[in-house]
Amino acid sequence: MGARRFVTLSVFLVTVSALARPEYAARSNAVSCTGCHFSPLGSGPRNITGKNYGMRNFQMWKIPAAQPYTSIDLRPIVQYMSNDAGTVKGAGLMTITGSVHAPINFTQEGENRTQMVVSHNFAPGAYGGLREAYALYDFYPGELLGWFKFLTVGRFVAPYGLMTDEHRTYTRLQTNTGQGQAGSFHTGVALSGDPFFNMHYDLAFTNGFNQGGQSRPTDDSSPTAEFANLRLKFPQFPSYVGFSYANTEKKAIPSSWAACAYGVIAAPTLRTALLFESSHARGFNDATNINSGWLQTYFFAGQTAWYGEVQRSQSMANTAQINFELLPTFTLLYKYEEYIPDVDFHGDYFQRHGVGFRYDMDAGTYLNVRYETMSAGKEGVESAGQVLAVGNALYAFMHIWF
């Protein structure tokens, strides 16, 4: 039982390969994700500019410097967790993801107009398999700005909230938008634009939540989802704010929605960055139709009656993280998270505090160590010791990429 629970938990902890660093974007006065990533929606495989930026003054490995069209992401983990039910410890391989980017159409000037991006997680377990698989069309190749700049068609990560590689946060669990979750990948079409240097937007229409981007419409009860995302950059100051909205429709259930505000404030002179996100959602506690089974496992294991009461409630989740760059290769962090399944009962909360560090070892390797304390406000949840969002956890994972 303990070994099986460890495998389940550890796979969930870091089975993501997003390399998004919002604080880098803010520090570089960038509001468009295509400065470092292929996808204008954010996260996913990095382009050669993003790889060079991420090497943090190390000499770039020869493979990515010579081959900008492929990427590999490897993450082994060691983890220890304890709560009233006992302890769980061990090690495992969370992800080994390979990505391929292929330009397939050029303008007469040699600019890349159409490209394909495909990534696959080769690690064993629940999250192995296809990840991103989309075609990207650039209406204005070679130009930085455009009201209608990119068209993305295929399987992609929904453009909702703050894109980071911390996709196990409570805001991601609340809205089923973390890349380690079944419903985080959507199949559909997205339009993205950069009308001004300080503005970016995304509009997406997909096949709905909790489909994993795999299903196709079969009848009039098939789900759909719509997304709107807007980011605004503050002139002369390394920061930006964003707003996202998601709506999902399915004939068998009432319409559900989620909305969030997020932002990044970077202070290069103080070597500090603040990341924050606040999300409200109605109906997203429904793990059967909208959310994934991780919501129940993480927050409601053994709490059947409570889960039934809040399944269609309006929930709230908040996240704040402070990064302090002690050295160019050593960053300290503190992170606070909160999830309230029903906003009418603020005392029935889940909270998590985390402290740790990131140590960059070379251009394509870093070590991430984190210690977390997790608590619940509802009576009886902590003593039951069944939910994953209660207890103490220590984990370390190595991230190797090129």
Protein backbone atom coordinates (compact mmCIF):
# COMPACT_ATOMS: atom_id res chain seq x y z
CA MET A 1 0.00 0.00 0.00
CA GLY A 2 2.77 2.43 0.99
CA ALA A 3 4.82 1.72 -2.13
CA ARG A 4 1.80 2.13 -4.40
CA ARG A 5 0.89 5.40 -2.72
CA PHE A 6 4.44 6.67 -3.17
CA VAL A 7 4.41 5.91 -6.87
CA THR A 8 1.08 7.70 -7.23
CA LEU A 9 2.20 10.73 -5.26
CA SER A 10 5.67 11.06 -6.73
CA VAL A 11 4.44 10.80 -10.32
CA PHE A 12 1.98 13.56 -9.53
CA LEU A 13 4.62 15.74 -7.91
CA VAL A 14 6.77 16.49 -10.91
CA THR A 15 5.53 14.72 -14.01
CA VAL A 16 5.67 17.89 -16.04
CA SER A 17 8.09 19.15 -18.65
CA ALA A 18 7.07 22.77 -18.92
CA LEU A 19 10.06 25.06 -18.70
CA ALA A 20 8.16 28.32 -18.35
CA ARG A 21 9.83 30.97 -16.19
CA PRO A 22 7.51 33.98 -15.91
CA GLU A 23 10.10 35.91 -13.90
CA TYR A 24 12.50 35.63 -16.86
CA ALA A 25 9.89 37.13 -19.14
CA ALA A 26 9.22 40.02 -16.75
CA ARG A 27 12.92 40.67 -16.26
CA SER A 28 13.44 40.74 -20.03
CA ASN A 29 10.50 43.10 -20.65
CA ALA A 30 8.76 40.36 -22.64
CA VAL A 31 5.02 39.77 -22.70
CA SER A 32 4.90 37.15 -25.46
CA CYS A 33 5.88 33.56 -24.66
CA THR A 34 7.33 33.01 -28.15
CA GLY A 35 10.49 34.79 -27.05
CA CYS A 36 11.55 31.48 -25.43
CA HIS A 37 8.92 28.88 -26.40
CA PHE A 38 7.51 27.63 -29.68
CA SER A 39 3.95 27.94 -28.40
CA PRO A 40 2.43 31.44 -28.14
CA LEU A 41 0.14 29.98 -25.46
CA GLY A 42 3.13 29.48 -23.17
CA SER A 43 5.12 26.57 -21.70
CA GLY A 44 6.19 23.45 -23.54
CA PRO A 45 9.35 22.96 -25.62
CA ARG A 46 11.75 25.88 -25.82
CA ASN A 47 13.18 27.38 -28.97
CA ILE A 48 16.91 28.02 -29.34
CA THR A 49 16.56 31.50 -27.81
CA GLY A 50 14.89 30.04 -24.76
CA LYS A 51 17.56 27.38 -24.45
CA ASN A 52 20.33 29.95 -24.58
CA TYR A 53 18.55 32.19 -22.08
CA GLY A 54 18.02 29.26 -19.72
CA MET A 55 21.69 28.27 -19.61
CA ARG A 56 22.31 31.05 -17.02
CA ASN A 57 25.82 32.04 -18.15
CA PHE A 58 27.01 28.44 -18.54
CA GLN A 59 28.49 27.26 -21.81
CA MET A 60 25.70 25.76 -23.88
CA TRP A 61 25.97 22.06 -24.61
CA LYS A 62 26.92 21.28 -28.20
CA ILE A 63 23.78 19.24 -28.91
CA PRO A 64 21.18 22.02 -28.48
CA ALA A 65 23.47 24.62 -30.01
CA ALA A 66 23.77 22.53 -33.17
CA GLN A 67 20.26 21.11 -33.17
CA PRO A 68 17.57 23.66 -32.22
CA TYR A 69 14.74 21.43 -33.40
CA THR A 70 14.88 18.71 -30.71
CA SER A 71 14.60 18.66 -26.92
CA ILE A 72 14.86 16.06 -24.18
CA ASP A 73 13.65 16.51 -20.60
CA LEU A 74 14.56 14.08 -17.80
CA ARG A 75 13.47 14.31 -14.12
CA PRO A 76 14.39 11.75 -11.44
CA ILE A 77 13.09 12.36 -7.88
CA VAL A 78 13.73 11.37 -4.26
CA GLN A 79 10.85 12.08 -1.86
CA TYR A 80 9.75 11.65 1.77
CA MET A 81 6.28 12.42 3.12
CA SER A 82 4.63 11.93 6.49
CA ASN A 83 1.19 12.52 8.03
CA ASP A 84 -1.07 10.85 10.60
CA ALA A 85 -1.40 7.81 8.35
CA GLY A 86 2.37 7.13 8.32
CA THR A 87 5.34 7.84 6.07
CA VAL A 88 6.03 7.38 2.38
CA LYS A 89 9.53 7.48 0.90
CA GLY A 90 11.44 6.36 -2.15
CA ALA A 91 12.81 7.38 -5.53
CA GLY A 92 11.58 7.25 -9.10
CA LEU A 93 11.77 8.59 -12.64
CA MET A 94 9.05 11.14 -13.23
CA THR A 95 9.44 12.09 -16.85
CA ILE A 96 11.61 11.63 -19.89
CA THR A 97 10.05 13.73 -22.60
CA GLY A 98 11.29 14.12 -26.14
CA SER A 99 10.15 16.98 -28.37
CA VAL A 100 10.55 17.69 -32.07
CA HIS A 101 10.01 21.02 -33.84
CA ALA A 102 9.78 20.96 -37.62
CA PRO A 103 9.47 24.08 -39.81
CA ILE A 104 7.44 23.06 -42.86
CA ASN A 105 6.66 26.24 -44.79
CA PHE A 106 8.71 29.36 -45.49
CA THR A 107 8.13 32.74 -47.09
CA GLN A 108 10.17 33.93 -50.08
CA GLU A 109 12.34 35.85 -47.62
CA GLY A 110 13.15 32.62 -45.77
CA GLU A 111 11.00 33.31 -42.73
CA ASN A 112 9.31 30.32 -41.10
CA ARG A 113 5.54 30.60 -41.61
CA THR A 114 4.26 27.16 -40.56
CA GLN A 115 5.76 24.72 -38.08
CA MET A 116 4.88 21.51 -36.28
CA VAL A 117 5.64 20.72 -32.63
CA VAL A 118 5.25 17.24 -31.12
CA SER A 119 6.33 16.01 -27.68
CA HIS A 120 5.99 12.61 -26.02
CA ASN A 121 6.61 11.44 -22.45
CA PHE A 122 8.42 8.08 -22.59
CA ALA A 123 8.39 7.52 -18.82
CA PRO A 124 6.26 4.63 -17.52
CA GLY A 125 3.16 5.38 -15.49
CA ALA A 126 -0.14 7.18 -15.77
CA TYR A 127 1.22 10.23 -17.58
CA GLY A 128 3.34 8.59 -20.20
CA GLY A 129 2.25 9.16 -23.77
CA LEU A 130 1.60 11.99 -26.18
CA ARG A 131 1.83 15.56 -24.89
CA GLU A 132 1.76 18.55 -27.26
CA ALA A 133 1.01 17.91 -30.94
CA TYR A 134 0.08 21.02 -32.90
CA ALA A 135 0.64 23.03 -36.04
CA LEU A 136 1.50 26.70 -35.62
CA TYR A 137 0.84 29.26 -38.35
CA ASP A 138 2.47 32.69 -38.21
CA PHE A 139 0.45 35.31 -40.10
CA TYR A 140 3.33 37.82 -40.00
CA PRO A 141 6.62 35.88 -40.03
CA GLY A 142 9.57 38.08 -39.23
CA GLU A 143 7.36 40.66 -37.52
CA LEU A 144 7.11 41.05 -33.75
CA LEU A 145 3.62 42.56 -33.60
CA GLY A 146 0.22 41.75 -35.03
CA TRP A 147 -3.38 41.70 -33.87
CA PHE A 148 -3.78 38.23 -35.36
CA LYS A 149 -0.26 36.82 -35.08
CA PHE A 150 -0.50 33.05 -34.48
CA LEU A 151 -2.99 30.28 -35.17
CA THR A 152 -2.46 27.07 -33.19
CA VAL A 153 -4.31 23.92 -34.25
CA GLY A 154 -4.02 20.56 -32.51
CA ARG A 155 -3.30 19.39 -28.97
CA PHE A 156 -1.95 22.02 -26.57
CA VAL A 157 -1.99 23.24 -22.98
CA ALA A 158 -4.95 25.48 -22.19
CA PRO A 159 -4.01 29.18 -21.95
CA TYR A 160 -5.16 29.71 -18.37
CA GLY A 161 -3.33 31.45 -15.54
CA LEU A 162 0.33 31.77 -14.72
CA MET A 163 2.45 29.42 -16.82
CA THR A 164 5.24 27.98 -14.68
CA ASP A 165 6.81 24.57 -14.10
CA GLU A 166 5.05 24.48 -10.71
CA HIS A 167 2.00 22.73 -12.13
CA ARG A 168 1.10 20.91 -8.91
CA THR A 169 0.00 24.16 -7.29
CA TYR A 170 -3.48 24.44 -5.80
CA THR A 171 -4.59 26.86 -8.51
CA ARG A 172 -3.70 24.25 -11.14
CA LEU A 173 -5.47 21.46 -9.23
CA GLN A 174 -8.54 23.62 -8.70
CA THR A 175 -8.98 24.31 -12.43
CA ASN A 176 -7.47 21.13 -13.91
CA THR A 177 -4.93 23.17 -15.87
CA GLY A 178 -1.68 21.62 -14.62
CA GLN A 179 0.33 19.75 -17.23
CA GLY A 180 0.59 16.67 -15.04
CA GLN A 181 -3.18 16.22 -15.08
CA ALA A 182 -5.34 14.30 -17.52
CA GLY A 183 -7.48 17.25 -18.58
CA SER A 184 -4.71 19.80 -18.98
CA PHE A 185 -4.20 19.01 -22.67
CA HIS A 186 -6.95 20.16 -24.99
CA THR A 187 -7.52 19.62 -28.68
CA GLY A 188 -8.81 22.60 -30.60
CA VAL A 189 -7.85 25.88 -32.18
CA ALA A 190 -6.32 28.99 -30.63
CA LEU A 191 -5.72 32.50 -31.93
CA SER A 192 -2.96 34.59 -30.34
CA GLY A 193 -1.90 38.16 -30.92
CA ASP A 194 0.64 40.77 -29.88
CA PRO A 195 -0.96 44.05 -31.01
CA PHE A 196 1.46 46.11 -28.90
CA PHE A 197 4.81 45.49 -27.25
CA ASN A 198 3.12 45.51 -23.85
CA MET A 199 0.06 43.37 -24.69
CA HIS A 200 -0.60 39.72 -25.54
CA TYR A 201 -3.87 37.78 -25.83
CA ASP A 202 -5.05 34.20 -26.47
CA LEU A 203 -8.50 32.94 -27.50
CA ALA A 204 -9.07 29.18 -27.66
CA PHE A 205 -11.94 26.81 -28.45
CA THR A 206 -11.35 23.18 -27.44
CA ASN A 207 -12.94 19.80 -26.89
CA GLY A 208 -13.45 20.43 -23.18
CA PHE A 209 -11.96 19.59 -19.79
CA ASN A 210 -10.94 16.14 -18.59
CA GLN A 211 -10.73 14.82 -22.15
CA GLY A 212 -6.95 14.83 -22.32
CA GLY A 213 -7.12 16.20 -25.84
CA GLN A 214 -7.92 12.70 -27.06
CA SER A 215 -11.63 12.54 -27.74
CA ARG A 216 -13.60 13.81 -30.70
CA PRO A 217 -17.24 14.96 -30.81
CA THR A 218 -19.65 12.03 -30.96
CA ASP A 219 -23.05 13.56 -30.20
CA ASP A 220 -24.69 16.72 -28.88
CA SER A 221 -23.58 15.92 -25.31
CA SER A 222 -19.85 16.13 -26.14
CA PRO A 223 -18.11 18.80 -24.02
CA THR A 224 -16.59 22.04 -25.25
CA ALA A 225 -14.50 24.73 -23.59
CA GLU A 226 -13.59 28.34 -24.35
CA PHE A 227 -10.59 30.26 -23.03
CA ALA A 228 -9.59 33.92 -23.02
CA ASN A 229 -6.24 35.12 -21.71
CA LEU A 230 -4.78 38.65 -21.60
CA ARG A 231 -1.33 39.79 -20.41
CA LEU A 232 -0.27 43.40 -19.98
CA LYS A 233 3.30 44.60 -19.47
CA PHE A 234 4.08 47.73 -17.45
CA PRO A 235 6.34 50.14 -19.36
CA GLN A 236 9.74 50.83 -17.80
CA PHE A 237 9.17 48.30 -15.02
CA PRO A 238 10.02 44.55 -15.08
CA SER A 239 6.56 43.19 -14.33
CA TYR A 240 3.27 42.18 -15.92
CA VAL A 241 -0.28 41.21 -14.95
CA GLY A 242 -2.68 38.83 -16.62
CA PHE A 243 -6.31 37.79 -16.60
CA SER A 244 -7.76 34.46 -17.74
CA TYR A 245 -11.26 33.10 -18.16
CA ALA A 246 -12.47 29.59 -18.98
CA ASN A 247 -15.96 28.31 -19.65
CA THR A 248 -16.99 24.73 -20.25
CA GLU A 249 -20.24 23.32 -21.56
CA LYS A 250 -21.65 19.81 -21.43
CA LYS A 251 -25.27 18.84 -21.95
CA ALA A 252 -25.48 16.67 -18.83
CA ILE A 253 -24.19 19.32 -16.38
CA PRO A 254 -24.66 23.06 -15.76
CA SER A 255 -22.24 25.48 -17.39
CA SER A 256 -19.06 25.91 -15.33
CA TRP A 257 -16.56 28.75 -15.34
CA ALA A 258 -13.18 29.75 -13.92
CA ALA A 259 -11.47 33.16 -13.77
CA CYS A 260 -8.10 34.22 -12.44
CA ALA A 261 -5.78 37.20 -12.06
CA TYR A 262 -2.04 36.66 -12.01
CA GLY A 263 1.19 38.54 -12.27
CA VAL A 264 4.95 38.76 -11.84
CA ILE A 265 7.01 41.51 -10.27
CA ALA A 266 10.75 41.21 -10.85
CA ALA A 267 13.28 43.41 -9.09
CA PRO A 268 16.67 42.75 -10.74
CA THR A 269 18.56 45.14 -8.48
CA LEU A 270 17.23 43.23 -5.44
CA ARG A 271 17.61 39.88 -7.26
CA THR A 272 14.04 39.09 -6.21
CA ALA A 273 10.88 38.04 -8.06
CA LEU A 274 7.29 37.76 -6.80
CA LEU A 275 4.80 35.50 -8.59
CA PHE A 276 1.12 35.51 -7.64
CA GLU A 277 -2.17 34.05 -8.84
CA SER A 278 -5.75 34.10 -7.55
CA SER A 279 -8.39 31.89 -9.14
CA HIS A 280 -12.16 31.52 -8.61
CA ALA A 281 -14.17 28.73 -10.20
CA ARG A 282 -17.72 27.37 -10.09
CA GLY A 283 -18.40 23.73 -10.82
CA PHE A 284 -14.72 22.78 -11.16
CA ASN A 285 -14.84 20.54 -8.08
CA ASP A 286 -16.69 18.08 -10.31
CA ALA A 287 -13.98 15.48 -10.86
CA THR A 288 -16.20 13.30 -13.03
CA ASN A 289 -17.04 15.77 -15.79
CA ILE A 290 -14.54 18.64 -15.51
CA ASN A 291 -11.71 18.02 -13.10
CA SER A 292 -9.48 14.96 -12.76
CA GLY A 293 -9.31 12.23 -10.16
CA TRP A 294 -6.32 14.01 -8.65
CA LEU A 295 -8.65 16.59 -7.12
CA GLN A 296 -10.40 13.89 -5.12
CA THR A 297 -7.20 12.04 -4.26
CA TYR A 298 -5.38 15.15 -3.14
CA PHE A 299 -8.15 16.93 -1.19
CA PHE A 300 -11.14 14.63 -0.67
CA ALA A 301 -9.86 11.07 -0.15
CA GLY A 302 -12.09 9.51 2.48
CA GLN A 303 -14.30 12.63 2.55
CA THR A 304 -17.17 11.39 0.38
CA ALA A 305 -19.92 13.37 2.10
CA TRP A 306 -17.99 16.63 2.07
CA TYR A 307 -17.01 16.18 -1.56
CA GLY A 308 -20.65 15.65 -2.50
CA GLU A 309 -21.57 18.93 -0.80
CA VAL A 310 -18.96 21.06 -2.63
CA GLN A 311 -18.96 19.38 -6.04
CA ARG A 312 -20.78 22.28 -7.74
CA SER A 313 -19.69 25.02 -5.30
CA GLN A 314 -17.68 28.12 -6.10
CA SER A 315 -14.09 27.55 -5.02
CA MET A 316 -11.05 29.80 -4.57
CA ALA A 317 -7.32 29.13 -4.82
CA ASN A 318 -4.40 31.50 -4.22
CA THR A 319 -0.67 31.15 -4.81
CA ALA A 320 2.25 33.45 -4.01
CA GLN A 321 5.94 32.68 -4.50
CA ILE A 322 9.07 34.72 -3.76
CA ASN A 323 12.38 33.87 -5.44
CA PHE A 324 15.65 35.37 -4.19
CA GLU A 325 18.75 34.91 -6.32
CA LEU A 326 21.46 34.55 -3.71
CA LEU A 327 24.02 33.72 -6.40
CA PRO A 328 23.72 33.55 -10.20
CA THR A 329 23.41 29.77 -9.87
CA PHE A 330 21.65 29.50 -6.49
CA THR A 331 18.07 30.69 -5.88
CA LEU A 332 16.11 30.53 -2.63
CA LEU A 333 12.31 30.43 -2.65
CA TYR A 334 9.27 30.56 -0.40
CA LYS A 335 5.82 29.57 -1.59
CA TYR A 336 2.35 29.89 -0.05
CA GLU A 337 -0.78 28.19 -1.39
CA GLU A 338 -4.41 28.08 -0.35
CA TYR A 339 -7.43 26.18 -1.65
CA ILE A 340 -10.99 26.74 -0.36
CA PRO A 341 -13.47 24.25 -1.90
CA ASP A 342 -16.50 26.43 -0.98
CA VAL A 343 -16.11 30.21 -0.63
CA ASP A 344 -19.09 30.26 1.73
CA PHE A 345 -17.01 28.27 4.25
CA HIS A 346 -13.57 29.91 4.43
CA GLY A 347 -12.68 27.85 7.51
CA ASP A 348 -12.71 24.65 5.44
CA TYR A 349 -9.38 25.38 3.78
CA PHE A 350 -6.20 23.67 2.67
CA GLN A 351 -2.89 25.51 3.06
CA ARG A 352 0.66 24.72 2.05
CA HIS A 353 3.93 26.47 2.91
CA GLY A 354 7.10 25.55 1.06
CA VAL A 355 10.75 26.60 1.33
CA GLY A 356 13.62 25.41 -0.78
CA PHE A 357 16.29 26.21 -3.31
CA ARG A 358 17.33 25.66 -6.90
CA TYR A 359 20.97 25.06 -7.75
CA ASP A 360 22.02 25.35 -11.41
CA MET A 361 24.84 22.89 -11.99
CA ASP A 362 25.46 23.56 -15.67
CA ALA A 363 23.68 24.75 -18.80
CA GLY A 364 21.21 21.87 -18.81
CA THR A 365 21.06 20.57 -15.25
CA TYR A 366 19.69 21.90 -11.99
CA LEU A 367 18.77 20.51 -8.59
CA ASN A 368 15.48 21.53 -6.93
CA VAL A 369 14.98 20.82 -3.20
CA ARG A 370 11.77 21.65 -1.33
CA TYR A 371 10.36 21.17 2.17
CA GLU A 372 6.60 21.66 2.58
CA THR A 373 4.09 21.69 5.40
CA MET A 374 0.44 21.09 4.50
CA SER A 375 -2.63 21.58 6.68
CA ALA A 376 -6.44 21.49 6.51
CA GLY A 377 -8.93 23.64 8.38
CA LYS A 378 -11.95 21.33 8.25
CA GLU A 379 -12.40 19.24 11.36
CA GLY A 380 -11.43 15.60 11.00
CA VAL A 381 -9.51 15.88 7.72
CA GLU A 382 -6.02 15.98 9.23
CA SER A 383 -6.65 13.25 11.78
CA ALA A 384 -8.05 10.94 9.08
CA GLY A 385 -4.66 11.07 7.35
CA GLN A 386 -6.02 10.03 3.96
CA VAL A 387 -5.72 13.16 1.80
CA LEU A 388 -2.38 14.00 0.20
CA ALA A 389 -2.77 17.71 0.98
CA VAL A 390 -2.02 17.14 4.69
CA GLY A 391 1.33 16.44 6.35
CA ASN A 392 4.99 17.24 5.73
CA ALA A 393 6.99 16.52 2.60
CA LEU A 394 10.64 16.73 1.59
CA TYR A 395 11.66 16.08 -1.96
CA ALA A 396 14.56 16.67 -4.33
CA PHE A 397 14.56 16.24 -8.07
CA MET A 398 17.18 16.67 -10.73
CA HIS A 399 16.13 18.34 -13.97
CA ILE A 400 18.27 17.50 -16.99
CA TRP A 401 17.38 18.94 -20.37
CA PHE A 402 18.85 19.83 -23.74
